[in-house]
PDB file of N, CA and C in Angstrom:
ATOM      1  N   MET A   1     -11.872   9.170  67.951  1.00  0.00           N
ATOM      2  CA  MET A   1     -11.860   9.881  66.679  1.00  0.00           C
ATOM      3  C   MET A   1     -13.193  10.568  66.418  1.00  0.00           C
ATOM      4  N   GLY A   2     -13.925  10.848  67.453  1.00  0.00           N
ATOM      5  CA  GLY A   2     -15.146  11.613  67.305  1.00  0.00           C
ATOM      6  C   GLY A   2     -16.390  10.808  67.008  1.00  0.00           C
ATOM      7  N   PHE A   3     -16.347   9.502  67.179  1.00  0.00           N
ATOM      8  CA  PHE A   3     -17.528   8.679  66.956  1.00  0.00           C
ATOM      9  C   PHE A   3     -18.115   8.269  68.300  1.00  0.00           C
ATOM     10  N   THR A   4     -19.390   8.479  68.438  1.00  0.00           N
ATOM     11  CA  THR A   4     -20.072   7.968  69.615  1.00  0.00           C
ATOM     12  C   THR A   4     -20.286   6.467  69.413  1.00  0.00           C
ATOM     13  N   PRO A   5     -20.607   5.747  70.474  1.00  0.00           N
ATOM     14  CA  PRO A   5     -20.892   4.317  70.289  1.00  0.00           C
ATOM     15  C   PRO A   5     -22.028   4.067  69.287  1.00  0.00           C
ATOM     16  N   GLU A   6     -23.051   4.918  69.304  1.00  0.00           N
ATOM     17  CA  GLU A   6     -24.163   4.757  68.362  1.00  0.00           C
ATOM     18  C   GLU A   6     -23.701   4.985  66.919  1.00  0.00           C
ATOM     19  N   GLN A   7     -22.851   5.993  66.721  1.00  0.00           N
ATOM     20  CA  GLN A   7     -22.333   6.259  65.376  1.00  0.00           C
ATOM     21  C   GLN A   7     -21.464   5.099  64.895  1.00  0.00           C
ATOM     22  N   THR A   8     -20.651   4.579  65.789  1.00  0.00           N
ATOM     23  CA  THR A   8     -19.798   3.438  65.433  1.00  0.00           C
ATOM     24  C   THR A   8     -20.650   2.266  64.979  1.00  0.00           C
ATOM     25  N   ARG A   9     -21.716   1.979  65.725  1.00  0.00           N
ATOM     26  CA  ARG A   9     -22.623   0.889  65.350  1.00  0.00           C
ATOM     27  C   ARG A   9     -23.285   1.160  63.995  1.00  0.00           C
ATOM     28  N   SER A  10     -23.607   2.407  63.738  1.00  0.00           N
ATOM     29  CA  SER A  10     -24.226   2.752  62.458  1.00  0.00           C
ATOM     30  C   SER A  10     -23.260   2.507  61.297  1.00  0.00           C
ATOM     31  N   TRP A  11     -21.994   2.866  61.464  1.00  0.00           N
ATOM     32  CA  TRP A  11     -20.994   2.585  60.428  1.00  0.00           C
ATOM     33  C   TRP A  11     -20.850   1.075  60.238  1.00  0.00           C
ATOM     34  N   TRP A  12     -20.782   0.349  61.337  1.00  0.00           N
ATOM     35  CA  TRP A  12     -20.654  -1.108  61.258  1.00  0.00           C
ATOM     36  C   TRP A  12     -21.867  -1.715  60.563  1.00  0.00           C
ATOM     37  N   HIS A  13     -23.049  -1.232  60.940  1.00  0.00           N
ATOM     38  CA  HIS A  13     -24.298  -1.735  60.359  1.00  0.00           C
ATOM     39  C   HIS A  13     -24.304  -1.532  58.835  1.00  0.00           C
ATOM     40  N   ASN A  14     -23.625  -0.513  58.375  1.00  0.00           N
ATOM     41  CA  ASN A  14     -23.565  -0.205  56.944  1.00  0.00           C
ATOM     42  C   ASN A  14     -22.311  -0.758  56.273  1.00  0.00           C
ATOM     43  N   GLY A  15     -21.678  -1.725  56.915  1.00  0.00           N
ATOM     44  CA  GLY A  15     -20.587  -2.461  56.286  1.00  0.00           C
ATOM     45  C   GLY A  15     -19.231  -1.789  56.299  1.00  0.00           C
ATOM     46  N   ILE A  16     -19.086  -0.750  57.078  1.00  0.00           N
ATOM     47  CA  ILE A  16     -17.797  -0.071  57.172  1.00  0.00           C
ATOM     48  C   ILE A  16     -17.244  -0.359  58.564  1.00  0.00           C
ATOM     49  N   TRP A  17     -16.266  -1.267  58.576  1.00  0.00           N
ATOM     50  CA  TRP A  17     -15.763  -1.808  59.824  1.00  0.00           C
ATOM     51  C   TRP A  17     -14.544  -1.075  60.346  1.00  0.00           C
ATOM     52  N   GLN A  18     -13.756  -0.512  59.464  1.00  0.00           N
ATOM     53  CA  GLN A  18     -12.516   0.140  59.901  1.00  0.00           C
ATOM     54  C   GLN A  18     -12.754   1.615  60.184  1.00  0.00           C
ATOM     55  N   GLN A  19     -12.222   2.033  61.295  1.00  0.00           N
ATOM     56  CA  GLN A  19     -12.373   3.423  61.713  1.00  0.00           C
ATOM     57  C   GLN A  19     -11.773   4.374  60.674  1.00  0.00           C
ATOM     58  N   SER A  20     -10.631   4.026  60.116  1.00  0.00           N
ATOM     59  CA  SER A  20      -9.990   4.899  59.128  1.00  0.00           C
ATOM     60  C   SER A  20     -10.868   5.078  57.890  1.00  0.00           C
ATOM     61  N   GLU A  21     -11.550   4.027  57.490  1.00  0.00           N
ATOM     62  CA  GLU A  21     -12.436   4.129  56.334  1.00  0.00           C
ATOM     63  C   GLU A  21     -13.653   4.989  56.665  1.00  0.00           C
ATOM     64  N   ALA A  22     -14.207   4.806  57.836  1.00  0.00           N
ATOM     65  CA  ALA A  22     -15.344   5.632  58.259  1.00  0.00           C
ATOM     66  C   ALA A  22     -14.940   7.104  58.300  1.00  0.00           C
ATOM     67  N   ILE A  23     -13.746   7.365  58.774  1.00  0.00           N
ATOM     68  CA  ILE A  23     -13.249   8.751  58.819  1.00  0.00           C
ATOM     69  C   ILE A  23     -13.124   9.312  57.416  1.00  0.00           C
ATOM     70  N   ARG A  24     -12.567   8.531  56.476  1.00  0.00           N
ATOM     71  CA  ARG A  24     -12.443   9.011  55.082  1.00  0.00           C
ATOM     72  C   ARG A  24     -13.810   9.372  54.500  1.00  0.00           C
ATOM     73  N   TRP A  25     -14.787   8.507  54.707  1.00  0.00           N
ATOM     74  CA  TRP A  25     -16.119   8.798  54.181  1.00  0.00           C
ATOM     75  C   TRP A  25     -16.708  10.035  54.864  1.00  0.00           C
ATOM     76  N   ARG A  26     -16.569  10.115  56.153  1.00  0.00           N
ATOM     77  CA  ARG A  26     -17.140  11.248  56.888  1.00  0.00           C
ATOM     78  C   ARG A  26     -16.487  12.564  56.467  1.00  0.00           C
ATOM     79  N   VAL A  27     -15.157  12.560  56.336  1.00  0.00           N
ATOM     80  CA  VAL A  27     -14.432  13.764  55.920  1.00  0.00           C
ATOM     81  C   VAL A  27     -14.883  14.218  54.530  1.00  0.00           C
ATOM     82  N   ASN A  28     -15.269  13.271  53.694  1.00  0.00           N
ATOM     83  CA  ASN A  28     -15.715  13.601  52.342  1.00  0.00           C
ATOM     84  C   ASN A  28     -17.219  13.898  52.268  1.00  0.00           C
ATOM     85  N   GLY A  29     -17.853  14.005  53.425  1.00  0.00           N
ATOM     86  CA  GLY A  29     -19.237  14.460  53.477  1.00  0.00           C
ATOM     87  C   GLY A  29     -20.308  13.394  53.449  1.00  0.00           C
ATOM     88  N   PHE A  30     -19.961  12.159  53.759  1.00  0.00           N
ATOM     89  CA  PHE A  30     -20.925  11.068  53.707  1.00  0.00           C
ATOM     90  C   PHE A  30     -21.244  10.539  55.094  1.00  0.00           C
ATOM     91  N   GLY A  31     -22.504  10.209  55.290  1.00  0.00           N
ATOM     92  CA  GLY A  31     -22.917   9.485  56.468  1.00  0.00           C
ATOM     93  C   GLY A  31     -22.825   8.000  56.199  1.00  0.00           C
ATOM     94  N   PRO A  32     -23.088   7.185  57.193  1.00  0.00           N
ATOM     95  CA  PRO A  32     -22.950   5.736  57.038  1.00  0.00           C
ATOM     96  C   PRO A  32     -23.773   5.136  55.897  1.00  0.00           C
ATOM     97  N   HIS A  33     -25.032   5.517  55.787  1.00  0.00           N
ATOM     98  CA  HIS A  33     -25.887   4.907  54.756  1.00  0.00           C
ATOM     99  C   HIS A  33     -25.452   5.325  53.360  1.00  0.00           C
ATOM    100  N   ASP A  34     -25.202   6.627  53.154  1.00  0.00           N
ATOM    101  CA  ASP A  34     -24.739   7.088  51.840  1.00  0.00           C
ATOM    102  C   ASP A  34     -23.410   6.445  51.482  1.00  0.00           C
ATOM    103  N   ALA A  35     -22.513   6.358  52.435  1.00  0.00           N
ATOM    104  CA  ALA A  35     -21.216   5.722  52.183  1.00  0.00           C
ATOM    105  C   ALA A  35     -21.420   4.273  51.740  1.00  0.00           C
ATOM    106  N   PHE A  36     -22.324   3.582  52.399  1.00  0.00           N
ATOM    107  CA  PHE A  36     -22.619   2.195  52.033  1.00  0.00           C
ATOM    108  C   PHE A  36     -23.080   2.093  50.583  1.00  0.00           C
ATOM    109  N   LEU A  37     -23.995   2.983  50.170  1.00  0.00           N
ATOM    110  CA  LEU A  37     -24.524   2.929  48.801  1.00  0.00           C
ATOM    111  C   LEU A  37     -23.421   3.141  47.763  1.00  0.00           C
ATOM    112  N   TRP A  38     -22.554   4.112  48.003  1.00  0.00           N
ATOM    113  CA  TRP A  38     -21.470   4.385  47.059  1.00  0.00           C
ATOM    114  C   TRP A  38     -20.427   3.267  47.093  1.00  0.00           C
ATOM    115  N   LYS A  39     -20.081   2.820  48.280  1.00  0.00           N
ATOM    116  CA  LYS A  39     -19.069   1.764  48.409  1.00  0.00           C
ATOM    117  C   LYS A  39     -19.542   0.472  47.744  1.00  0.00           C
ATOM    118  N   LYS A  40     -20.824   0.188  47.892  1.00  0.00           N
ATOM    119  CA  LYS A  40     -21.409  -1.015  47.299  1.00  0.00           C
ATOM    120  C   LYS A  40     -21.226  -1.017  45.780  1.00  0.00           C
ATOM    121  N   MET A  41     -21.141   0.168  45.182  1.00  0.00           N
ATOM    122  CA  MET A  41     -20.964   0.279  43.735  1.00  0.00           C
ATOM    123  C   MET A  41     -19.497   0.527  43.368  1.00  0.00           C
ATOM    124  N   ALA A  42     -18.589   0.189  44.288  1.00  0.00           N
ATOM    125  CA  ALA A  42     -17.138   0.208  44.068  1.00  0.00           C
ATOM    126  C   ALA A  42     -16.538   1.603  43.944  1.00  0.00           C
ATOM    127  N   PHE A  43     -17.120   2.572  44.636  1.00  0.00           N
ATOM    128  CA  PHE A  43     -16.532   3.902  44.702  1.00  0.00           C
ATOM    129  C   PHE A  43     -15.731   4.034  45.990  1.00  0.00           C
ATOM    130  N   ILE A  44     -14.624   4.746  45.919  1.00  0.00           N
ATOM    131  CA  ILE A  44     -13.939   5.147  47.140  1.00  0.00           C
ATOM    132  C   ILE A  44     -14.461   6.524  47.517  1.00  0.00           C
ATOM    133  N   ALA A  45     -14.212   6.946  48.735  1.00  0.00           N
ATOM    134  CA  ALA A  45     -14.800   8.175  49.252  1.00  0.00           C
ATOM    135  C   ALA A  45     -14.492   9.392  48.381  1.00  0.00           C
ATOM    136  N   GLN A  46     -13.243   9.586  47.980  1.00  0.00           N
ATOM    137  CA  GLN A  46     -12.877  10.759  47.197  1.00  0.00           C
ATOM    138  C   GLN A  46     -13.582  10.770  45.837  1.00  0.00           C
ATOM    139  N   ASP A  47     -13.640   9.617  45.181  1.00  0.00           N
ATOM    140  CA  ASP A  47     -14.333   9.543  43.884  1.00  0.00           C
ATOM    141  C   ASP A  47     -15.827   9.824  44.049  1.00  0.00           C
ATOM    142  N   ALA A  48     -16.412   9.261  45.074  1.00  0.00           N
ATOM    143  CA  ALA A  48     -17.837   9.489  45.326  1.00  0.00           C
ATOM    144  C   ALA A  48     -18.100  10.971  45.555  1.00  0.00           C
ATOM    145  N   LYS A  49     -17.225  11.615  46.286  1.00  0.00           N
ATOM    146  CA  LYS A  49     -17.374  13.056  46.543  1.00  0.00           C
ATOM    147  C   LYS A  49     -17.334  13.845  45.235  1.00  0.00           C
ATOM    148  N   GLU A  50     -16.411  13.504  44.341  1.00  0.00           N
ATOM    149  CA  GLU A  50     -16.308  14.207  43.063  1.00  0.00           C
ATOM    150  C   GLU A  50     -17.583  14.041  42.235  1.00  0.00           C
ATOM    151  N   TRP A  51     -18.111  12.837  42.192  1.00  0.00           N
ATOM    152  CA  TRP A  51     -19.353  12.607  41.453  1.00  0.00           C
ATOM    153  C   TRP A  51     -20.515  13.357  42.090  1.00  0.00           C
ATOM    154  N   LYS A  52     -20.579  13.319  43.394  1.00  0.00           N
ATOM    155  CA  LYS A  52     -21.663  13.997  44.102  1.00  0.00           C
ATOM    156  C   LYS A  52     -21.582  15.507  43.876  1.00  0.00           C
ATOM    157  N   GLU A  53     -20.372  16.062  43.936  1.00  0.00           N
ATOM    158  CA  GLU A  53     -20.191  17.495  43.701  1.00  0.00           C
ATOM    159  C   GLU A  53     -20.523  17.872  42.259  1.00  0.00           C
ATOM    160  N   ALA A  54     -20.375  16.929  41.341  1.00  0.00           N
ATOM    161  CA  ALA A  54     -20.715  17.184  39.940  1.00  0.00           C
ATOM    162  C   ALA A  54     -22.220  17.043  39.695  1.00  0.00           C
ATOM    163  N   GLY A  55     -22.964  16.702  40.745  1.00  0.00           N
ATOM    164  CA  GLY A  55     -24.422  16.646  40.645  1.00  0.00           C
ATOM    165  C   GLY A  55     -25.021  15.285  40.367  1.00  0.00           C
ATOM    166  N   PHE A  56     -24.253  14.231  40.597  1.00  0.00           N
ATOM    167  CA  PHE A  56     -24.741  12.884  40.297  1.00  0.00           C
ATOM    168  C   PHE A  56     -25.097  12.128  41.564  1.00  0.00           C
ATOM    169  N   ASP A  57     -26.147  11.315  41.459  1.00  0.00           N
ATOM    170  CA  ASP A  57     -26.405  10.346  42.511  1.00  0.00           C
ATOM    171  C   ASP A  57     -25.616   9.090  42.146  1.00  0.00           C
ATOM    172  N   VAL A  58     -25.642   8.118  42.999  1.00  0.00           N
ATOM    173  CA  VAL A  58     -24.815   6.928  42.772  1.00  0.00           C
ATOM    174  C   VAL A  58     -25.196   6.198  41.484  1.00  0.00           C
ATOM    175  N   ALA A  59     -26.476   6.097  41.181  1.00  0.00           N
ATOM    176  CA  ALA A  59     -26.901   5.397  39.961  1.00  0.00           C
ATOM    177  C   ALA A  59     -26.404   6.117  38.708  1.00  0.00           C
ATOM    178  N   GLY A  60     -26.540   7.423  38.682  1.00  0.00           N
ATOM    179  CA  GLY A  60     -26.061   8.187  37.538  1.00  0.00           C
ATOM    180  C   GLY A  60     -24.553   8.094  37.387  1.00  0.00           C
ATOM    181  N   ALA A  61     -23.849   8.165  38.496  1.00  0.00           N
ATOM    182  CA  ALA A  61     -22.393   8.069  38.465  1.00  0.00           C
ATOM    183  C   ALA A  61     -21.948   6.715  37.923  1.00  0.00           C
ATOM    184  N   VAL A  62     -22.622   5.671  38.336  1.00  0.00           N
ATOM    185  CA  VAL A  62     -22.285   4.324  37.856  1.00  0.00           C
ATOM    186  C   VAL A  62     -22.437   4.254  36.345  1.00  0.00           C
ATOM    187  N   GLU A  63     -23.525   4.787  35.817  1.00  0.00           N
ATOM    188  CA  GLU A  63     -23.773   4.727  34.372  1.00  0.00           C
ATOM    189  C   GLU A  63     -22.713   5.494  33.592  1.00  0.00           C
ATOM    190  N   TRP A  64     -22.424   6.714  33.993  1.00  0.00           N
ATOM    191  CA  TRP A  64     -21.440   7.522  33.265  1.00  0.00           C
ATOM    192  C   TRP A  64     -20.039   6.935  33.413  1.00  0.00           C
ATOM    193  N   ARG A  65     -19.721   6.462  34.590  1.00  0.00           N
ATOM    194  CA  ARG A  65     -18.392   5.879  34.812  1.00  0.00           C
ATOM    195  C   ARG A  65     -18.207   4.607  33.983  1.00  0.00           C
ATOM    196  N   ARG A  66     -19.281   3.876  33.771  1.00  0.00           N
ATOM    197  CA  ARG A  66     -19.225   2.648  32.967  1.00  0.00           C
ATOM    198  C   ARG A  66     -18.659   2.938  31.574  1.00  0.00           C
ATOM    199  N   TYR A  67     -18.888   4.134  31.079  1.00  0.00           N
ATOM    200  CA  TYR A  67     -18.394   4.522  29.752  1.00  0.00           C
ATOM    201  C   TYR A  67     -17.155   5.417  29.843  1.00  0.00           C
ATOM    202  N   ALA A  68     -16.447   5.327  30.966  1.00  0.00           N
ATOM    203  CA  ALA A  68     -15.151   5.973  31.177  1.00  0.00           C
ATOM    204  C   ALA A  68     -15.210   7.498  31.188  1.00  0.00           C
ATOM    205  N   PHE A  69     -16.317   8.051  31.663  1.00  0.00           N
ATOM    206  CA  PHE A  69     -16.392   9.494  31.834  1.00  0.00           C
ATOM    207  C   PHE A  69     -15.907   9.865  33.231  1.00  0.00           C
ATOM    208  N   GLU A  70     -15.188  10.953  33.326  1.00  0.00           N
ATOM    209  CA  GLU A  70     -14.832  11.543  34.610  1.00  0.00           C
ATOM    210  C   GLU A  70     -16.015  12.402  35.056  1.00  0.00           C
ATOM    211  N   PRO A  71     -16.131  12.679  36.354  1.00  0.00           N
ATOM    212  CA  PRO A  71     -17.285  13.458  36.827  1.00  0.00           C
ATOM    213  C   PRO A  71     -17.481  14.790  36.113  1.00  0.00           C
ATOM    214  N   SER A  72     -16.413  15.558  35.938  1.00  0.00           N
ATOM    215  CA  SER A  72     -16.562  16.874  35.305  1.00  0.00           C
ATOM    216  C   SER A  72     -16.964  16.742  33.841  1.00  0.00           C
ATOM    217  N   ASP A  73     -16.436  15.736  33.137  1.00  0.00           N
ATOM    218  CA  ASP A  73     -16.817  15.514  31.739  1.00  0.00           C
ATOM    219  C   ASP A  73     -18.289  15.117  31.642  1.00  0.00           C
ATOM    220  N   ALA A  74     -18.691  14.201  32.478  1.00  0.00           N
ATOM    221  CA  ALA A  74     -20.089  13.757  32.466  1.00  0.00           C
ATOM    222  C   ALA A  74     -21.019  14.927  32.765  1.00  0.00           C
ATOM    223  N   ALA A  75     -20.640  15.763  33.714  1.00  0.00           N
ATOM    224  CA  ALA A  75     -21.458  16.929  34.049  1.00  0.00           C
ATOM    225  C   ALA A  75     -21.552  17.877  32.857  1.00  0.00           C
ATOM    226  N   GLY A  76     -20.451  18.020  32.129  1.00  0.00           N
ATOM    227  CA  GLY A  76     -20.459  18.876  30.944  1.00  0.00           C
ATOM    228  C   GLY A  76     -21.410  18.370  29.876  1.00  0.00           C
ATOM    229  N   TRP A  77     -21.370  17.092  29.605  1.00  0.00           N
ATOM    230  CA  TRP A  77     -22.282  16.508  28.610  1.00  0.00           C
ATOM    231  C   TRP A  77     -23.727  16.640  29.064  1.00  0.00           C
ATOM    232  N   ARG A  78     -23.951  16.365  30.327  1.00  0.00           N
ATOM    233  CA  ARG A  78     -25.321  16.440  30.842  1.00  0.00           C
ATOM    234  C   ARG A  78     -25.836  17.879  30.816  1.00  0.00           C
ATOM    235  N   SER A  79     -24.946  18.843  31.076  1.00  0.00           N
ATOM    236  CA  SER A  79     -25.377  20.242  31.111  1.00  0.00           C
ATOM    237  C   SER A  79     -25.831  20.752  29.741  1.00  0.00           C
ATOM    238  N   VAL A  80     -25.339  20.135  28.673  1.00  0.00           N
ATOM    239  CA  VAL A  80     -25.791  20.516  27.329  1.00  0.00           C
ATOM    240  C   VAL A  80     -26.798  19.503  26.778  1.00  0.00           C
ATOM    241  N   GLU A  81     -27.381  18.751  27.699  1.00  0.00           N
ATOM    242  CA  GLU A  81     -28.525  17.880  27.440  1.00  0.00           C
ATOM    243  C   GLU A  81     -28.243  16.720  26.489  1.00  0.00           C
ATOM    244  N   PHE A  82     -27.122  16.041  26.740  1.00  0.00           N
ATOM    245  CA  PHE A  82     -26.824  14.819  26.012  1.00  0.00           C
ATOM    246  C   PHE A  82     -27.092  13.629  26.919  1.00  0.00           C
ATOM    247  N   SER A  83     -27.691  12.600  26.361  1.00  0.00           N
ATOM    248  CA  SER A  83     -27.823  11.337  27.085  1.00  0.00           C
ATOM    249  C   SER A  83     -26.450  10.666  27.090  1.00  0.00           C
ATOM    250  N   ILE A  84     -26.309   9.638  27.880  1.00  0.00           N
ATOM    251  CA  ILE A  84     -25.040   8.909  27.903  1.00  0.00           C
ATOM    252  C   ILE A  84     -24.725   8.345  26.518  1.00  0.00           C
ATOM    253  N   GLY A  85     -25.710   7.730  25.891  1.00  0.00           N
ATOM    254  CA  GLY A  85     -25.497   7.141  24.568  1.00  0.00           C
ATOM    255  C   GLY A  85     -25.057   8.169  23.542  1.00  0.00           C
ATOM    256  N   ASP A  86     -25.709   9.315  23.539  1.00  0.00           N
ATOM    257  CA  ASP A  86     -25.324  10.364  22.600  1.00  0.00           C
ATOM    258  C   ASP A  86     -23.933  10.895  22.907  1.00  0.00           C
ATOM    259  N   ALA A  87     -23.629  11.073  24.178  1.00  0.00           N
ATOM    260  CA  ALA A  87     -22.300  11.561  24.563  1.00  0.00           C
ATOM    261  C   ALA A  87     -21.219  10.589  24.111  1.00  0.00           C
ATOM    262  N   VAL A  88     -21.467   9.310  24.275  1.00  0.00           N
ATOM    263  CA  VAL A  88     -20.501   8.291  23.843  1.00  0.00           C
ATOM    264  C   VAL A  88     -20.294   8.381  22.334  1.00  0.00           C
ATOM    265  N   ALA A  89     -21.383   8.519  21.586  1.00  0.00           N
ATOM    266  CA  ALA A  89     -21.286   8.583  20.122  1.00  0.00           C
ATOM    267  C   ALA A  89     -20.490   9.804  19.668  1.00  0.00           C
ATOM    268  N   TRP A  90     -20.780  10.949  20.237  1.00  0.00           N
ATOM    269  CA  TRP A  90     -20.064  12.167  19.843  1.00  0.00           C
ATOM    270  C   TRP A  90     -18.604  12.098  20.280  1.00  0.00           C
ATOM    271  N   ARG A  91     -18.365  11.625  21.471  1.00  0.00           N
ATOM    272  CA  ARG A  91     -16.983  11.530  21.963  1.00  0.00           C
ATOM    273  C   ARG A  91     -16.165  10.575  21.106  1.00  0.00           C
ATOM    274  N   LYS A  92     -16.805   9.519  20.601  1.00  0.00           N
ATOM    275  CA  LYS A  92     -16.124   8.548  19.736  1.00  0.00           C
ATOM    276  C   LYS A  92     -15.521   9.235  18.515  1.00  0.00           C
ATOM    277  N   TYR A  93     -16.173  10.281  18.044  1.00  0.00           N
ATOM    278  CA  TYR A  93     -15.680  11.020  16.883  1.00  0.00           C
ATOM    279  C   TYR A  93     -14.808  12.217  17.281  1.00  0.00           C
ATOM    280  N   GLY A  94     -14.444  12.301  18.548  1.00  0.00           N
ATOM    281  CA  GLY A  94     -13.492  13.314  18.995  1.00  0.00           C
ATOM    282  C   GLY A  94     -14.079  14.665  19.353  1.00  0.00           C
ATOM    283  N   PHE A  95     -15.385  14.731  19.590  1.00  0.00           N
ATOM    284  CA  PHE A  95     -16.014  15.994  19.924  1.00  0.00           C
ATOM    285  C   PHE A  95     -16.076  16.209  21.436  1.00  0.00           C
ATOM    286  N   SER A  96     -15.876  17.438  21.850  1.00  0.00           N
ATOM    287  CA  SER A  96     -16.134  17.812  23.240  1.00  0.00           C
ATOM    288  C   SER A  96     -17.633  18.079  23.371  1.00  0.00           C
ATOM    289  N   SER A  97     -18.113  18.228  24.571  1.00  0.00           N
ATOM    290  CA  SER A  97     -19.545  18.441  24.774  1.00  0.00           C
ATOM    291  C   SER A  97     -20.028  19.733  24.116  1.00  0.00           C
ATOM    292  N   LEU A  98     -19.272  20.803  24.265  1.00  0.00           N
ATOM    293  CA  LEU A  98     -19.706  22.082  23.692  1.00  0.00           C
ATOM    294  C   LEU A  98     -19.653  22.074  22.164  1.00  0.00           C
ATOM    295  N   GLU A  99     -18.613  21.476  21.618  1.00  0.00           N
ATOM    296  CA  GLU A  99     -18.495  21.370  20.167  1.00  0.00           C
ATOM    297  C   GLU A  99     -19.624  20.480  19.615  1.00  0.00           C
ATOM    298  N   ALA A 100     -19.891  19.386  20.283  1.00  0.00           N
ATOM    299  CA  ALA A 100     -20.960  18.482  19.855  1.00  0.00           C
ATOM    300  C   ALA A 100     -22.308  19.187  19.890  1.00  0.00           C
ATOM    301  N   LYS A 101     -22.519  19.988  20.908  1.00  0.00           N
ATOM    302  CA  LYS A 101     -23.786  20.733  21.008  1.00  0.00           C
ATOM    303  C   LYS A 101     -23.961  21.655  19.806  1.00  0.00           C
ATOM    304  N   GLN A 102     -22.911  22.337  19.408  1.00  0.00           N
ATOM    305  CA  GLN A 102     -23.002  23.236  18.251  1.00  0.00           C
ATOM    306  C   GLN A 102     -23.365  22.463  16.991  1.00  0.00           C
ATOM    307  N   TRP A 103     -22.711  21.346  16.760  1.00  0.00           N
ATOM    308  CA  TRP A 103     -22.995  20.540  15.576  1.00  0.00           C
ATOM    309  C   TRP A 103     -24.404  19.953  15.644  1.00  0.00           C
ATOM    310  N   ARG A 104     -24.757  19.449  16.805  1.00  0.00           N
ATOM    311  CA  ARG A 104     -26.107  18.868  16.961  1.00  0.00           C
ATOM    312  C   ARG A 104     -27.175  19.933  16.724  1.00  0.00           C
ATOM    313  N   ASP A 105     -26.964  21.109  17.301  1.00  0.00           N
ATOM    314  CA  ASP A 105     -27.941  22.184  17.137  1.00  0.00           C
ATOM    315  C   ASP A 105     -28.048  22.643  15.683  1.00  0.00           C
ATOM    316  N   ALA A 106     -26.988  22.408  14.916  1.00  0.00           N
ATOM    317  CA  ALA A 106     -27.015  22.739  13.491  1.00  0.00           C
ATOM    318  C   ALA A 106     -27.623  21.597  12.667  1.00  0.00           C
ATOM    319  N   GLY A 107     -28.052  20.540  13.342  1.00  0.00           N
ATOM    320  CA  GLY A 107     -28.758  19.459  12.669  1.00  0.00           C
ATOM    321  C   GLY A 107     -27.911  18.290  12.223  1.00  0.00           C
ATOM    322  N   HIS A 108     -26.700  18.176  12.757  1.00  0.00           N
ATOM    323  CA  HIS A 108     -25.805  17.101  12.327  1.00  0.00           C
ATOM    324  C   HIS A 108     -25.789  15.942  13.315  1.00  0.00           C
ATOM    325  N   SER A 109     -25.528  14.769  12.782  1.00  0.00           N
ATOM    326  CA  SER A 109     -25.263  13.585  13.597  1.00  0.00           C
ATOM    327  C   SER A 109     -23.763  13.562  13.871  1.00  0.00           C
ATOM    328  N   PRO A 110     -23.322  12.710  14.769  1.00  0.00           N
ATOM    329  CA  PRO A 110     -21.872  12.630  15.009  1.00  0.00           C
ATOM    330  C   PRO A 110     -21.087  12.291  13.737  1.00  0.00           C
ATOM    331  N   LEU A 111     -21.612  11.370  12.944  1.00  0.00           N
ATOM    332  CA  LEU A 111     -20.913  10.951  11.723  1.00  0.00           C
ATOM    333  C   LEU A 111     -20.838  12.089  10.705  1.00  0.00           C
ATOM    334  N   THR A 112     -21.970  12.742  10.439  1.00  0.00           N
ATOM    335  CA  THR A 112     -21.938  13.825   9.448  1.00  0.00           C
ATOM    336  C   THR A 112     -21.104  14.995   9.938  1.00  0.00           C
ATOM    337  N   ALA A 113     -21.154  15.274  11.225  1.00  0.00           N
ATOM    338  CA  ALA A 113     -20.338  16.356  11.777  1.00  0.00           C
ATOM    339  C   ALA A 113     -18.858  16.032  11.647  1.00  0.00           C
ATOM    340  N   ALA A 114     -18.495  14.785  11.921  1.00  0.00           N
ATOM    341  CA  ALA A 114     -17.090  14.378  11.800  1.00  0.00           C
ATOM    342  C   ALA A 114     -16.624  14.480  10.359  1.00  0.00           C
ATOM    343  N   ASP A 115     -17.465  14.064   9.427  1.00  0.00           N
ATOM    344  CA  ASP A 115     -17.113  14.156   8.003  1.00  0.00           C
ATOM    345  C   ASP A 115     -16.918  15.610   7.585  1.00  0.00           C
ATOM    346  N   LYS A 116     -17.850  16.467   7.972  1.00  0.00           N
ATOM    347  CA  LYS A 116     -17.739  17.884   7.612  1.00  0.00           C
ATOM    348  C   LYS A 116     -16.523  18.527   8.274  1.00  0.00           C
ATOM    349  N   LYS A 117     -16.277  18.174   9.503  1.00  0.00           N
ATOM    350  CA  LYS A 117     -15.124  18.735  10.217  1.00  0.00           C
ATOM    351  C   LYS A 117     -13.826  18.297   9.538  1.00  0.00           C
ATOM    352  N   ARG A 118     -13.759  17.030   9.168  1.00  0.00           N
ATOM    353  CA  ARG A 118     -12.565  16.496   8.489  1.00  0.00           C
ATOM    354  C   ARG A 118     -12.354  17.189   7.151  1.00  0.00           C
ATOM    355  N   SER A 119     -13.415  17.393   6.403  1.00  0.00           N
ATOM    356  CA  SER A 119     -13.258  18.008   5.081  1.00  0.00           C
ATOM    357  C   SER A 119     -12.843  19.469   5.194  1.00  0.00           C
ATOM    358  N   ARG A 120     -13.242  20.139   6.268  1.00  0.00           N
ATOM    359  CA  ARG A 120     -12.802  21.520   6.468  1.00  0.00           C
ATOM    360  C   ARG A 120     -11.336  21.572   6.875  1.00  0.00           C
ATOM    361  N   ASP A 121     -10.885  20.540   7.598  1.00  0.00           N
ATOM    362  CA  ASP A 121      -9.515  20.513   8.086  1.00  0.00           C
ATOM    363  C   ASP A 121      -8.539  20.003   7.024  1.00  0.00           C
ATOM    364  N   SER A 122      -9.053  19.368   5.972  1.00  0.00           N
ATOM    365  CA  SER A 122      -8.154  18.822   4.949  1.00  0.00           C
ATOM    366  C   SER A 122      -7.643  19.952   4.060  1.00  0.00           C
ATOM    367  N   PRO A 123      -6.456  19.717   3.522  1.00  0.00           N
ATOM    368  CA  PRO A 123      -5.889  20.736   2.602  1.00  0.00           C
ATOM    369  C   PRO A 123      -6.624  20.775   1.281  1.00  0.00           C
TER     370      PRO A 123
END
């Protein structure tokens, strides 16, 4: 399957024993060591690829995923300069990243923005 004996040993050394798993990681753009780091944090190859393509390293992906963000959502919040904590707070009140940015830039907290938004939407 295209692995030299040295490559096979490298995959084994990094805790990936099955050829099919090594192939999945390799097809998704990971070498043995990177695959080990992501796998150690309970990512499968496809998920790790999505996080990596969204611009996250394994530590960042773990943090955002802990709060149930998908890679593209987390990237959106990060692109408008929200920390994880702030993103969680705004999302709790039903705001998207772009909407939250507008309210934040206007000087509102998640709570005050939600109150103002609700009062505008009420009859």
